[in-house]
Amino acid sequence: MSDQSTPGTGVGSAPEPSGVDLARVALRAAKEAARARGDAAQQRKQVRRGGLRSGARADRRDPMALGPAINRLLAERGWEAPAAVGGVMGRWPEIVGEDVAKHCEPERYDEDERVLVVRCDSTAWATNLRLLAPTLVARLNEDLGHGTVRLIKVIGPGGPTRRFGPLRAPGSMGPGDTYG
């Protein structure tokens, strides 16, 4: 796949946040402000009553089960999409099928670019996966939410690095030119 960049953006410029990202940031700020107001009001009440007391009702100081604690941490930090993609990487054989999963495996996910990088063990499988990429992007977005994966970048196998011999053409990879 070729490098696709939007016109007018420089190499060092950061991507502009989308509407969903802006809404997520605004919601997080509103939650923190409401929590701070609630904490301040509760502290004033506790000072009037004579200090901190443990009550019969549940509050933020009570122990929490691991699942809800992790979900709360993911939501507070904005890590929902990377965690979901990580789950997909664990379920890769279910998503693409056993045959494809034997020869192609996901390597990393770039959250900013929304690109999933997949490495294949042969050029034939890389070509096959490039043809299946639009279908896989649609399937992944059904599972993760619309727009989570924009592109699947397929990488072929890496060839051996052979840099020996007195005569080499500048820029040549040697026998590695035929791989990937």
N, C-alpha and C. Protein backbone atom coordinates (compact mmCIF):
# COMPACT_ATOMS: atom_id res chain seq x y z
N MET A 1 0.84 -1.17 0.00
CA MET A 1 0.00 0.00 0.00
C MET A 1 0.89 1.23 0.00
N SER A 2 0.44 2.29 -0.60
CA SER A 2 1.23 3.52 -0.66
C SER A 2 0.91 4.40 0.54
N ASP A 3 1.82 5.35 0.80
CA ASP A 3 1.63 6.28 1.91
C ASP A 3 0.56 7.29 1.52
N GLN A 4 -0.49 7.36 2.30
CA GLN A 4 -1.59 8.29 2.01
C GLN A 4 -1.57 9.38 3.05
N SER A 5 -1.31 10.61 2.63
CA SER A 5 -1.35 11.72 3.56
C SER A 5 -2.25 12.80 3.00
N THR A 6 -2.81 13.57 3.87
CA THR A 6 -3.70 14.63 3.44
C THR A 6 -2.88 15.82 2.99
N PRO A 7 -3.32 16.52 1.94
CA PRO A 7 -2.56 17.67 1.47
C PRO A 7 -2.57 18.78 2.50
N GLY A 8 -1.43 19.45 2.61
CA GLY A 8 -1.34 20.61 3.48
C GLY A 8 -0.85 20.27 4.87
N THR A 9 -0.66 18.97 5.17
CA THR A 9 -0.14 18.63 6.49
C THR A 9 1.34 18.41 6.38
N GLY A 10 2.06 18.93 7.32
CA GLY A 10 3.51 18.79 7.33
C GLY A 10 3.92 17.49 7.98
N VAL A 11 5.19 17.19 7.91
CA VAL A 11 5.68 15.95 8.47
C VAL A 11 5.55 15.96 9.99
N GLY A 12 5.82 17.10 10.63
CA GLY A 12 5.81 17.17 12.09
C GLY A 12 4.47 17.58 12.68
N SER A 13 3.46 17.84 11.86
CA SER A 13 2.21 18.34 12.42
C SER A 13 1.41 17.19 13.04
N ALA A 14 0.76 17.47 14.15
CA ALA A 14 -0.06 16.48 14.83
C ALA A 14 -1.43 16.42 14.15
N PRO A 15 -2.07 15.22 14.11
CA PRO A 15 -3.39 15.14 13.48
C PRO A 15 -4.41 15.90 14.30
N GLU A 16 -5.35 16.53 13.60
CA GLU A 16 -6.41 17.29 14.26
C GLU A 16 -7.37 16.29 14.90
N PRO A 17 -7.81 16.53 16.14
CA PRO A 17 -8.74 15.61 16.78
C PRO A 17 -10.10 15.64 16.08
N SER A 18 -10.70 14.46 15.95
CA SER A 18 -12.00 14.38 15.28
C SER A 18 -13.10 14.69 16.28
N GLY A 19 -14.33 14.69 15.82
CA GLY A 19 -15.47 15.01 16.67
C GLY A 19 -15.63 14.03 17.82
N VAL A 20 -15.38 12.74 17.56
CA VAL A 20 -15.49 11.73 18.60
C VAL A 20 -14.44 11.97 19.67
N ASP A 21 -13.20 12.28 19.25
CA ASP A 21 -12.13 12.54 20.21
C ASP A 21 -12.43 13.78 21.04
N LEU A 22 -12.93 14.83 20.41
CA LEU A 22 -13.28 16.05 21.14
C LEU A 22 -14.40 15.78 22.15
N ALA A 23 -15.38 14.99 21.74
CA ALA A 23 -16.49 14.66 22.64
C ALA A 23 -15.98 13.84 23.82
N ARG A 24 -15.06 12.90 23.57
CA ARG A 24 -14.50 12.08 24.63
C ARG A 24 -13.74 12.94 25.64
N VAL A 25 -12.97 13.90 25.14
CA VAL A 25 -12.21 14.79 26.02
C VAL A 25 -13.15 15.67 26.84
N ALA A 26 -14.20 16.21 26.19
CA ALA A 26 -15.16 17.07 26.89
C ALA A 26 -15.91 16.28 27.96
N LEU A 27 -16.30 15.04 27.65
CA LEU A 27 -17.00 14.21 28.63
C LEU A 27 -16.10 13.90 29.82
N ARG A 28 -14.84 13.58 29.55
CA ARG A 28 -13.91 13.28 30.63
C ARG A 28 -13.72 14.51 31.54
N ALA A 29 -13.61 15.70 30.93
CA ALA A 29 -13.43 16.93 31.72
C ALA A 29 -14.68 17.21 32.57
N ALA A 30 -15.86 17.00 31.99
CA ALA A 30 -17.10 17.23 32.73
C ALA A 30 -17.23 16.26 33.90
N LYS A 31 -16.84 14.99 33.69
CA LYS A 31 -16.90 14.00 34.77
C LYS A 31 -15.96 14.38 35.90
N GLU A 32 -14.74 14.81 35.53
CA GLU A 32 -13.77 15.19 36.56
C GLU A 32 -14.25 16.41 37.35
N ALA A 33 -14.86 17.39 36.66
CA ALA A 33 -15.36 18.58 37.34
C ALA A 33 -16.50 18.21 38.29
N ALA A 34 -17.42 17.35 37.83
CA ALA A 34 -18.54 16.93 38.68
C ALA A 34 -18.03 16.13 39.87
N ARG A 35 -17.05 15.27 39.65
CA ARG A 35 -16.49 14.49 40.74
C ARG A 35 -15.82 15.41 41.77
N ALA A 36 -15.11 16.42 41.28
CA ALA A 36 -14.44 17.37 42.19
C ALA A 36 -15.48 18.14 43.01
N ARG A 37 -16.58 18.58 42.37
CA ARG A 37 -17.63 19.29 43.10
C ARG A 37 -18.26 18.38 44.15
N GLY A 38 -18.51 17.13 43.78
CA GLY A 38 -19.11 16.18 44.71
C GLY A 38 -18.18 15.87 45.86
N ASP A 39 -16.88 15.70 45.58
CA ASP A 39 -15.91 15.43 46.64
C ASP A 39 -15.83 16.61 47.61
N ALA A 40 -15.83 17.83 47.09
CA ALA A 40 -15.74 19.01 47.95
C ALA A 40 -16.98 19.10 48.84
N ALA A 41 -18.16 18.85 48.30
CA ALA A 41 -19.40 18.91 49.09
C ALA A 41 -19.40 17.82 50.15
N GLN A 42 -18.95 16.63 49.79
CA GLN A 42 -18.93 15.54 50.75
C GLN A 42 -17.93 15.82 51.87
N GLN A 43 -16.79 16.42 51.54
CA GLN A 43 -15.81 16.75 52.58
C GLN A 43 -16.38 17.79 53.55
N ARG A 44 -17.11 18.78 53.03
CA ARG A 44 -17.73 19.78 53.91
C ARG A 44 -18.73 19.11 54.86
N LYS A 45 -19.52 18.15 54.35
CA LYS A 45 -20.47 17.44 55.19
C LYS A 45 -19.75 16.64 56.28
N GLN A 46 -18.65 15.98 55.87
CA GLN A 46 -17.93 15.16 56.83
C GLN A 46 -17.29 16.01 57.92
N VAL A 47 -16.80 17.19 57.57
CA VAL A 47 -16.22 18.08 58.57
C VAL A 47 -17.29 18.50 59.57
N ARG A 48 -18.50 18.79 59.08
CA ARG A 48 -19.59 19.18 59.96
C ARG A 48 -19.99 18.04 60.89
N ARG A 49 -19.95 16.81 60.38
CA ARG A 49 -20.37 15.65 61.18
C ARG A 49 -19.28 15.19 62.14
N GLY A 50 -18.06 15.67 61.98
CA GLY A 50 -17.02 15.26 62.90
C GLY A 50 -15.97 14.35 62.28
N GLY A 51 -15.76 14.42 61.00
CA GLY A 51 -14.68 13.65 60.37
C GLY A 51 -15.16 12.52 59.49
N LEU A 52 -14.20 11.74 58.99
CA LEU A 52 -14.50 10.61 58.11
C LEU A 52 -15.14 9.48 58.89
N ARG A 53 -16.17 8.91 58.32
CA ARG A 53 -16.83 7.77 58.93
C ARG A 53 -17.13 6.76 57.85
N SER A 54 -17.14 5.55 58.24
CA SER A 54 -17.54 4.50 57.32
C SER A 54 -19.03 4.27 57.52
N GLY A 55 -19.75 4.19 56.43
CA GLY A 55 -21.20 4.03 56.54
C GLY A 55 -21.66 2.71 55.96
N ALA A 56 -22.95 2.51 56.01
CA ALA A 56 -23.54 1.28 55.51
C ALA A 56 -23.65 1.29 53.98
N ARG A 57 -23.71 2.48 53.40
CA ARG A 57 -23.85 2.58 51.95
C ARG A 57 -22.50 2.49 51.25
N ALA A 58 -22.53 2.06 50.01
CA ALA A 58 -21.30 1.95 49.22
C ALA A 58 -20.80 3.34 48.84
N ASP A 59 -19.49 3.50 48.87
CA ASP A 59 -18.88 4.74 48.40
C ASP A 59 -17.60 4.40 47.63
N ARG A 60 -16.86 5.45 47.22
CA ARG A 60 -15.68 5.25 46.37
C ARG A 60 -14.55 4.53 47.10
N ARG A 61 -14.59 4.49 48.44
CA ARG A 61 -13.51 3.87 49.19
C ARG A 61 -13.66 2.37 49.31
N ASP A 62 -14.81 1.83 48.94
CA ASP A 62 -15.06 0.40 49.06
C ASP A 62 -14.23 -0.37 48.04
N PRO A 63 -13.88 -1.62 48.36
CA PRO A 63 -13.15 -2.44 47.40
C PRO A 63 -14.00 -2.68 46.15
N MET A 64 -13.31 -2.87 45.03
CA MET A 64 -13.99 -3.05 43.77
C MET A 64 -13.48 -4.33 43.12
N ALA A 65 -14.35 -5.04 42.43
CA ALA A 65 -13.94 -6.24 41.71
C ALA A 65 -12.96 -5.85 40.59
N LEU A 66 -12.12 -6.80 40.18
CA LEU A 66 -11.07 -6.51 39.21
C LEU A 66 -11.63 -6.09 37.85
N GLY A 67 -12.65 -6.77 37.36
CA GLY A 67 -13.21 -6.44 36.05
C GLY A 67 -13.71 -5.02 35.96
N PRO A 68 -14.60 -4.60 36.86
CA PRO A 68 -15.06 -3.21 36.83
C PRO A 68 -13.94 -2.20 37.07
N ALA A 69 -12.94 -2.56 37.89
CA ALA A 69 -11.83 -1.64 38.12
C ALA A 69 -11.02 -1.42 36.85
N ILE A 70 -10.79 -2.49 36.10
CA ILE A 70 -10.04 -2.35 34.85
C ILE A 70 -10.86 -1.58 33.83
N ASN A 71 -12.15 -1.87 33.74
CA ASN A 71 -13.01 -1.13 32.80
C ASN A 71 -13.03 0.36 33.14
N ARG A 72 -13.08 0.68 34.43
CA ARG A 72 -13.06 2.09 34.85
C ARG A 72 -11.74 2.75 34.47
N LEU A 73 -10.62 2.04 34.67
CA LEU A 73 -9.31 2.56 34.31
C LEU A 73 -9.21 2.81 32.80
N LEU A 74 -9.69 1.86 32.00
CA LEU A 74 -9.66 2.02 30.55
C LEU A 74 -10.48 3.23 30.12
N ALA A 75 -11.65 3.41 30.73
CA ALA A 75 -12.51 4.54 30.36
C ALA A 75 -11.88 5.87 30.79
N GLU A 76 -11.30 5.90 31.99
CA GLU A 76 -10.71 7.15 32.47
C GLU A 76 -9.51 7.56 31.63
N ARG A 77 -8.73 6.61 31.17
CA ARG A 77 -7.51 6.91 30.40
C ARG A 77 -7.76 7.02 28.90
N GLY A 78 -8.95 6.63 28.44
CA GLY A 78 -9.23 6.69 27.01
C GLY A 78 -8.56 5.57 26.23
N TRP A 79 -8.40 4.42 26.87
CA TRP A 79 -7.71 3.29 26.24
C TRP A 79 -8.67 2.25 25.68
N GLU A 80 -9.92 2.60 25.45
CA GLU A 80 -10.89 1.61 24.99
C GLU A 80 -10.51 1.02 23.64
N ALA A 81 -10.17 1.87 22.67
CA ALA A 81 -9.85 1.39 21.32
C ALA A 81 -8.59 0.52 21.31
N PRO A 82 -7.46 0.94 21.91
CA PRO A 82 -6.29 0.06 21.91
C PRO A 82 -6.55 -1.27 22.62
N ALA A 83 -7.33 -1.25 23.70
CA ALA A 83 -7.63 -2.50 24.39
C ALA A 83 -8.50 -3.41 23.52
N ALA A 84 -9.45 -2.82 22.82
CA ALA A 84 -10.30 -3.61 21.92
C ALA A 84 -9.50 -4.22 20.80
N VAL A 85 -8.57 -3.45 20.23
CA VAL A 85 -7.73 -3.98 19.15
C VAL A 85 -6.83 -5.07 19.70
N GLY A 86 -6.33 -4.91 20.91
CA GLY A 86 -5.52 -5.96 21.53
C GLY A 86 -6.32 -7.25 21.69
N GLY A 87 -7.60 -7.12 22.02
CA GLY A 87 -8.46 -8.30 22.11
C GLY A 87 -8.65 -8.96 20.76
N VAL A 88 -8.72 -8.15 19.72
CA VAL A 88 -8.86 -8.70 18.37
C VAL A 88 -7.60 -9.47 17.99
N MET A 89 -6.44 -8.94 18.39
CA MET A 89 -5.19 -9.64 18.08
C MET A 89 -5.16 -11.01 18.76
N GLY A 90 -5.77 -11.12 19.93
CA GLY A 90 -5.85 -12.40 20.60
C GLY A 90 -6.83 -13.35 19.93
N ARG A 91 -7.84 -12.80 19.28
CA ARG A 91 -8.85 -13.62 18.59
C ARG A 91 -8.62 -13.66 17.08
N TRP A 92 -7.42 -13.37 16.63
CA TRP A 92 -7.11 -13.29 15.20
C TRP A 92 -7.55 -14.54 14.43
N PRO A 93 -7.28 -15.76 14.92
CA PRO A 93 -7.72 -16.94 14.15
C PRO A 93 -9.23 -17.01 13.96
N GLU A 94 -10.01 -16.56 14.94
CA GLU A 94 -11.47 -16.55 14.80
C GLU A 94 -11.91 -15.57 13.71
N ILE A 95 -11.23 -14.45 13.63
CA ILE A 95 -11.65 -13.39 12.72
C ILE A 95 -11.30 -13.70 11.28
N VAL A 96 -10.05 -14.15 11.04
CA VAL A 96 -9.59 -14.35 9.66
C VAL A 96 -9.67 -15.80 9.22
N GLY A 97 -9.83 -16.72 10.16
CA GLY A 97 -9.86 -18.13 9.82
C GLY A 97 -8.51 -18.78 10.14
N GLU A 98 -8.55 -20.06 10.43
CA GLU A 98 -7.35 -20.78 10.84
C GLU A 98 -6.27 -20.79 9.75
N ASP A 99 -6.68 -20.97 8.50
CA ASP A 99 -5.71 -21.08 7.41
C ASP A 99 -4.91 -19.78 7.24
N VAL A 100 -5.60 -18.65 7.23
CA VAL A 100 -4.92 -17.36 7.08
C VAL A 100 -4.09 -17.06 8.33
N ALA A 101 -4.61 -17.40 9.50
CA ALA A 101 -3.92 -17.10 10.75
C ALA A 101 -2.60 -17.86 10.88
N LYS A 102 -2.50 -19.01 10.23
CA LYS A 102 -1.24 -19.77 10.26
C LYS A 102 -0.12 -19.03 9.54
N HIS A 103 -0.48 -18.21 8.56
CA HIS A 103 0.53 -17.57 7.71
C HIS A 103 0.63 -16.06 7.89
N CYS A 104 -0.37 -15.44 8.54
CA CYS A 104 -0.38 -13.99 8.71
C CYS A 104 -0.73 -13.67 10.16
N GLU A 105 0.05 -12.78 10.78
CA GLU A 105 -0.25 -12.41 12.16
C GLU A 105 -0.13 -10.91 12.35
N PRO A 106 -1.02 -10.33 13.16
CA PRO A 106 -0.96 -8.88 13.40
C PRO A 106 0.25 -8.55 14.26
N GLU A 107 0.94 -7.45 13.90
CA GLU A 107 2.12 -7.04 14.65
C GLU A 107 1.84 -5.88 15.58
N ARG A 108 1.19 -4.83 15.07
CA ARG A 108 0.95 -3.65 15.90
C ARG A 108 -0.23 -2.86 15.32
N TYR A 109 -0.73 -1.96 16.18
CA TYR A 109 -1.83 -1.08 15.78
C TYR A 109 -1.41 0.35 16.09
N ASP A 110 -1.50 1.22 15.09
CA ASP A 110 -1.19 2.64 15.27
C ASP A 110 -2.51 3.36 15.50
N GLU A 111 -2.71 3.80 16.76
CA GLU A 111 -3.98 4.41 17.13
C GLU A 111 -4.20 5.75 16.43
N ASP A 112 -3.12 6.53 16.23
CA ASP A 112 -3.26 7.84 15.59
C ASP A 112 -3.68 7.70 14.13
N GLU A 113 -3.04 6.78 13.42
CA GLU A 113 -3.34 6.59 12.00
C GLU A 113 -4.47 5.59 11.78
N ARG A 114 -4.83 4.83 12.84
CA ARG A 114 -5.83 3.76 12.77
C ARG A 114 -5.45 2.72 11.73
N VAL A 115 -4.17 2.28 11.78
CA VAL A 115 -3.64 1.30 10.83
C VAL A 115 -3.22 0.05 11.60
N LEU A 116 -3.67 -1.10 11.14
CA LEU A 116 -3.26 -2.39 11.69
C LEU A 116 -2.19 -2.96 10.77
N VAL A 117 -1.02 -3.27 11.32
CA VAL A 117 0.09 -3.82 10.54
C VAL A 117 0.11 -5.33 10.73
N VAL A 118 0.09 -6.06 9.60
CA VAL A 118 0.06 -7.52 9.62
C VAL A 118 1.25 -8.04 8.83
N ARG A 119 1.98 -9.01 9.40
CA ARG A 119 3.14 -9.61 8.72
C ARG A 119 2.76 -11.01 8.25
N CYS A 120 3.11 -11.30 7.00
CA CYS A 120 2.84 -12.61 6.42
C CYS A 120 4.16 -13.36 6.23
N ASP A 121 4.09 -14.69 6.20
CA ASP A 121 5.31 -15.48 6.09
C ASP A 121 5.75 -15.75 4.65
N SER A 122 4.97 -15.34 3.68
CA SER A 122 5.39 -15.46 2.28
C SER A 122 4.74 -14.35 1.46
N THR A 123 5.33 -14.08 0.30
CA THR A 123 4.78 -13.03 -0.55
C THR A 123 3.42 -13.44 -1.11
N ALA A 124 3.20 -14.74 -1.31
CA ALA A 124 1.91 -15.20 -1.81
C ALA A 124 0.80 -14.90 -0.79
N TRP A 125 1.07 -15.16 0.49
CA TRP A 125 0.08 -14.86 1.53
C TRP A 125 -0.09 -13.36 1.71
N ALA A 126 0.99 -12.61 1.53
CA ALA A 126 0.88 -11.14 1.62
C ALA A 126 -0.04 -10.62 0.53
N THR A 127 0.12 -11.13 -0.67
CA THR A 127 -0.75 -10.73 -1.78
C THR A 127 -2.19 -11.12 -1.50
N ASN A 128 -2.39 -12.34 -1.01
CA ASN A 128 -3.74 -12.81 -0.68
C ASN A 128 -4.39 -11.92 0.37
N LEU A 129 -3.62 -11.55 1.40
CA LEU A 129 -4.17 -10.71 2.47
C LEU A 129 -4.46 -9.30 1.97
N ARG A 130 -3.64 -8.79 1.05
CA ARG A 130 -3.92 -7.47 0.48
C ARG A 130 -5.26 -7.47 -0.26
N LEU A 131 -5.57 -8.59 -0.91
CA LEU A 131 -6.86 -8.70 -1.60
C LEU A 131 -8.02 -8.82 -0.60
N LEU A 132 -7.77 -9.44 0.55
CA LEU A 132 -8.81 -9.60 1.57
C LEU A 132 -8.93 -8.40 2.49
N ALA A 133 -8.00 -7.44 2.41
CA ALA A 133 -7.93 -6.32 3.35
C ALA A 133 -9.25 -5.53 3.48
N PRO A 134 -9.92 -5.14 2.39
CA PRO A 134 -11.17 -4.39 2.57
C PRO A 134 -12.24 -5.17 3.34
N THR A 135 -12.32 -6.47 3.10
CA THR A 135 -13.28 -7.30 3.83
C THR A 135 -12.91 -7.38 5.31
N LEU A 136 -11.61 -7.53 5.58
CA LEU A 136 -11.16 -7.60 6.97
C LEU A 136 -11.38 -6.29 7.71
N VAL A 137 -11.14 -5.16 7.03
CA VAL A 137 -11.37 -3.86 7.66
C VAL A 137 -12.85 -3.72 8.04
N ALA A 138 -13.73 -4.12 7.15
CA ALA A 138 -15.17 -4.05 7.44
C ALA A 138 -15.52 -4.96 8.62
N ARG A 139 -14.97 -6.17 8.64
CA ARG A 139 -15.27 -7.11 9.72
C ARG A 139 -14.72 -6.59 11.06
N LEU A 140 -13.52 -6.05 11.05
CA LEU A 140 -12.93 -5.50 12.28
C LEU A 140 -13.73 -4.30 12.80
N ASN A 141 -14.17 -3.45 11.88
CA ASN A 141 -14.95 -2.27 12.30
C ASN A 141 -16.33 -2.66 12.82
N GLU A 142 -16.89 -3.76 12.33
CA GLU A 142 -18.15 -4.26 12.90
C GLU A 142 -17.93 -4.68 14.35
N ASP A 143 -16.79 -5.32 14.59
CA ASP A 143 -16.49 -5.83 15.92
C ASP A 143 -16.06 -4.74 16.88
N LEU A 144 -15.27 -3.77 16.41
CA LEU A 144 -14.66 -2.76 17.28
C LEU A 144 -15.39 -1.43 17.31
N GLY A 145 -16.18 -1.17 16.30
CA GLY A 145 -16.82 0.14 16.19
C GLY A 145 -16.35 0.82 14.91
N HIS A 146 -17.23 1.58 14.32
CA HIS A 146 -16.95 2.19 13.02
C HIS A 146 -15.73 3.11 13.09
N GLY A 147 -14.80 2.93 12.16
CA GLY A 147 -13.65 3.81 12.03
C GLY A 147 -12.47 3.45 12.91
N THR A 148 -12.54 2.35 13.66
CA THR A 148 -11.42 1.98 14.53
C THR A 148 -10.21 1.57 13.70
N VAL A 149 -10.43 0.80 12.64
CA VAL A 149 -9.36 0.40 11.73
C VAL A 149 -9.67 1.01 10.37
N ARG A 150 -8.77 1.86 9.90
CA ARG A 150 -8.97 2.52 8.61
C ARG A 150 -8.28 1.75 7.49
N LEU A 151 -7.15 1.11 7.83
CA LEU A 151 -6.32 0.49 6.81
C LEU A 151 -5.58 -0.69 7.41
N ILE A 152 -5.40 -1.74 6.61
CA ILE A 152 -4.54 -2.85 7.01
C ILE A 152 -3.30 -2.77 6.13
N LYS A 153 -2.15 -2.60 6.78
CA LYS A 153 -0.88 -2.55 6.06
C LYS A 153 -0.26 -3.93 6.14
N VAL A 154 -0.04 -4.54 4.98
CA VAL A 154 0.48 -5.90 4.91
C VAL A 154 1.97 -5.85 4.61
N ILE A 155 2.74 -6.55 5.44
CA ILE A 155 4.19 -6.63 5.27
C ILE A 155 4.54 -8.06 4.92
N GLY A 156 5.36 -8.22 3.90
CA GLY A 156 5.81 -9.55 3.49
C GLY A 156 6.95 -10.02 4.37
N PRO A 157 7.48 -11.17 4.06
CA PRO A 157 8.56 -11.71 4.88
C PRO A 157 9.84 -10.91 4.70
N GLY A 158 10.64 -10.89 5.73
CA GLY A 158 11.95 -10.23 5.64
C GLY A 158 12.96 -11.25 5.17
N GLY A 159 13.77 -10.86 4.22
CA GLY A 159 14.80 -11.76 3.72
C GLY A 159 16.05 -11.66 4.56
N PRO A 160 16.97 -12.59 4.37
CA PRO A 160 18.22 -12.53 5.13
C PRO A 160 19.06 -11.35 4.68
N THR A 161 19.80 -10.75 5.60
CA THR A 161 20.68 -9.65 5.24
C THR A 161 22.04 -10.22 4.90
N ARG A 162 22.44 -10.06 3.68
CA ARG A 162 23.74 -10.56 3.22
C ARG A 162 24.51 -9.36 2.70
N ARG A 163 25.43 -8.92 3.47
CA ARG A 163 26.19 -7.73 3.11
C ARG A 163 27.66 -8.08 2.90
N PHE A 164 27.94 -9.23 2.38
CA PHE A 164 29.32 -9.60 2.15
C PHE A 164 29.65 -9.52 0.67
N GLY A 165 30.90 -9.45 0.36
CA GLY A 165 31.37 -9.37 -1.03
C GLY A 165 31.86 -7.98 -1.33
N PRO A 166 32.92 -7.87 -2.12
CA PRO A 166 33.52 -6.57 -2.41
C PRO A 166 32.70 -5.73 -3.39
N LEU A 167 31.93 -6.35 -4.27
CA LEU A 167 31.21 -5.61 -5.30
C LEU A 167 29.71 -5.61 -4.99
N ARG A 168 29.21 -4.41 -4.69
CA ARG A 168 27.78 -4.26 -4.43
C ARG A 168 27.31 -3.00 -5.12
N ALA A 169 26.11 -3.04 -5.65
CA ALA A 169 25.52 -1.85 -6.24
C ALA A 169 25.00 -0.96 -5.11
N PRO A 170 25.20 0.37 -5.19
CA PRO A 170 24.69 1.26 -4.13
C PRO A 170 23.17 1.13 -4.00
N GLY A 171 22.70 0.97 -2.79
CA GLY A 171 21.25 0.87 -2.55
C GLY A 171 20.70 -0.53 -2.73
N SER A 172 21.53 -1.47 -3.14
CA SER A 172 21.06 -2.83 -3.36
C SER A 172 20.91 -3.56 -2.04
N MET A 173 19.91 -4.39 -1.96
CA MET A 173 19.72 -5.24 -0.79
C MET A 173 20.33 -6.61 -1.03
N GLY A 174 20.96 -6.82 -2.16
CA GLY A 174 21.52 -8.12 -2.48
C GLY A 174 20.39 -9.08 -2.79
N PRO A 175 20.51 -10.33 -2.33
CA PRO A 175 19.44 -11.30 -2.59
C PRO A 175 18.13 -10.89 -1.92
N GLY A 176 18.19 -9.99 -0.93
CA GLY A 176 16.99 -9.54 -0.26
C GLY A 176 16.07 -8.71 -1.16
N ASP A 177 16.56 -8.26 -2.33
CA ASP A 177 15.73 -7.49 -3.25
C ASP A 177 14.55 -8.30 -3.77
N THR A 178 14.65 -9.61 -3.74
CA THR A 178 13.58 -10.45 -4.29
C THR A 178 12.52 -10.80 -3.27
N TYR A 179 12.76 -10.46 -1.98
CA TYR A 179 11.78 -10.78 -0.94
C TYR A 179 10.84 -9.61 -0.70
N GLY A 180 9.60 -9.94 -0.36
CA GLY A 180 8.64 -8.97 0.13
C GLY A 180 8.19 -7.99 -0.85
